[in-house]
Amino acid sequence: MASIINPKHMNNEDLKECGLSKEVFFTYYDTLYKYSHTRLVNLFNVKPLKTLYEFFFNGPMAEMIKSEPAVCKNSTLYSEAFVDFLKVFEGTSDSSKLTLN
């Protein structure tokens, strides 16, 4: 949570406690505030987040899309992007082939 809320207040001892390198820790923040597909894909391999992504990718995609009106308007595009990201997550494709590039 600190990497999202206010990472600049984290000192070296705090970083040691969370068990992540400084670069990986700041990757969370950079992905959120300076988004790119490459940054997101890099997070697929970070242990604490990999579990969350597995939960997301194994969840009910159709229901998730229907739950957000803006997403629902472009459901085909989001469905294709979901499948593309899942392939990258599983290692069967790379980020250069993502729908939303």
Protein backbone atom coordinates (compact mmCIF):
# COMPACT_ATOMS: atom_id res chain seq x y z
CA MET A 1 0.00 0.00 0.00
CA ALA A 2 2.84 2.39 0.76
CA SER A 3 4.13 2.03 -2.79
CA ILE A 4 0.81 3.38 -4.04
CA ILE A 5 -0.01 5.99 -1.39
CA ASN A 6 3.27 7.71 -0.61
CA PRO A 7 6.39 5.78 -1.59
CA LYS A 8 8.80 8.66 -1.08
CA HIS A 9 8.42 8.35 2.70
CA MET A 10 9.76 4.81 2.69
CA ASN A 11 13.31 4.49 3.96
CA ASN A 12 15.77 1.65 3.37
CA GLU A 13 14.68 -0.19 6.53
CA ASP A 14 11.04 -0.04 5.42
CA LEU A 15 12.01 -1.44 2.03
CA LYS A 16 13.96 -4.28 3.66
CA GLU A 17 10.92 -5.12 5.78
CA CYS A 18 8.65 -5.43 2.75
CA GLY A 19 11.16 -7.79 1.11
CA LEU A 20 11.32 -6.00 -2.24
CA SER A 21 14.14 -4.17 -3.94
CA LYS A 22 13.82 -0.40 -4.26
CA GLU A 23 13.36 -0.74 -8.03
CA VAL A 24 10.53 -3.26 -7.72
CA PHE A 25 8.91 -1.26 -4.92
CA PHE A 26 8.81 1.89 -7.07
CA THR A 27 7.58 -0.08 -10.08
CA TYR A 28 4.16 -0.24 -8.40
CA TYR A 29 4.02 3.52 -8.14
CA ASP A 30 5.37 4.09 -11.65
CA THR A 31 2.86 1.66 -13.14
CA LEU A 32 -0.01 3.43 -11.45
CA TYR A 33 1.03 7.01 -12.22
CA LYS A 34 3.09 6.56 -15.41
CA TYR A 35 1.21 3.65 -16.95
CA SER A 36 2.53 1.60 -19.82
CA HIS A 37 1.78 -1.98 -20.84
CA THR A 38 5.43 -2.85 -20.30
CA ARG A 39 5.34 -1.63 -16.69
CA LEU A 40 2.15 -3.60 -16.02
CA VAL A 41 3.57 -6.75 -17.58
CA ASN A 42 6.69 -6.37 -15.40
CA LEU A 43 4.43 -6.53 -12.34
CA PHE A 44 3.11 -9.94 -13.42
CA ASN A 45 6.32 -11.46 -12.04
CA VAL A 46 6.36 -9.72 -8.65
CA LYS A 47 5.34 -12.34 -6.08
CA PRO A 48 2.84 -10.36 -3.98
CA LEU A 49 1.02 -9.14 -7.09
CA LYS A 50 1.18 -12.39 -9.04
CA THR A 51 -1.35 -13.88 -6.63
CA LEU A 52 -3.72 -10.97 -7.20
CA TYR A 53 -3.38 -11.26 -10.97
CA GLU A 54 -4.08 -15.00 -10.81
CA PHE A 55 -7.25 -14.26 -8.82
CA PHE A 56 -8.27 -11.58 -11.34
CA PHE A 57 -7.59 -13.71 -14.43
CA ASN A 58 -9.45 -16.68 -12.95
CA GLY A 59 -12.43 -14.54 -11.96
CA PRO A 60 -15.71 -14.09 -13.81
CA MET A 61 -14.60 -11.80 -16.65
CA ALA A 62 -18.07 -11.26 -18.16
CA GLU A 63 -19.47 -10.16 -14.80
CA MET A 64 -16.54 -7.82 -14.18
CA ILE A 65 -17.08 -6.17 -17.56
CA LYS A 66 -20.83 -5.79 -16.96
CA SER A 67 -20.25 -4.21 -13.54
CA GLU A 68 -18.66 -1.04 -14.96
CA PRO A 69 -20.81 1.05 -17.36
CA ALA A 70 -17.87 2.64 -19.22
CA VAL A 71 -16.28 -0.77 -19.76
CA CYS A 72 -19.61 -2.31 -20.75
CA LYS A 73 -19.94 0.18 -23.64
CA ASN A 74 -16.75 -1.26 -25.17
CA SER A 75 -17.12 -4.81 -23.92
CA THR A 76 -15.66 -6.43 -27.05
CA LEU A 77 -12.48 -4.37 -26.84
CA TYR A 78 -12.09 -5.07 -23.11
CA SER A 79 -12.76 -8.79 -23.62
CA GLU A 80 -10.05 -8.95 -26.30
CA ALA A 81 -7.63 -7.00 -24.11
CA PHE A 82 -8.37 -9.31 -21.18
CA VAL A 83 -7.53 -12.37 -23.28
CA ASP A 84 -4.36 -10.69 -24.60
CA PHE A 85 -3.16 -9.78 -21.09
CA LEU A 86 -3.95 -13.30 -19.89
CA LYS A 87 -1.74 -14.75 -22.66
CA VAL A 88 1.10 -12.44 -21.61
CA PHE A 89 0.56 -13.38 -17.94
CA GLU A 90 0.70 -17.08 -18.84
CA GLY A 91 3.83 -16.54 -20.94
CA THR A 92 2.25 -17.60 -24.25
CA SER A 93 2.50 -14.11 -25.81
CA ASP A 94 4.39 -10.86 -25.30
CA SER A 95 3.31 -7.28 -24.63
CA SER A 96 3.90 -6.17 -28.22
CA LYS A 97 0.79 -8.10 -29.25
CA LEU A 98 -1.60 -6.45 -26.78
CA THR A 99 -4.90 -5.16 -28.20
CA LEU A 100 -4.72 -1.74 -26.56
CA ASN A 101 -1.22 -0.82 -27.80
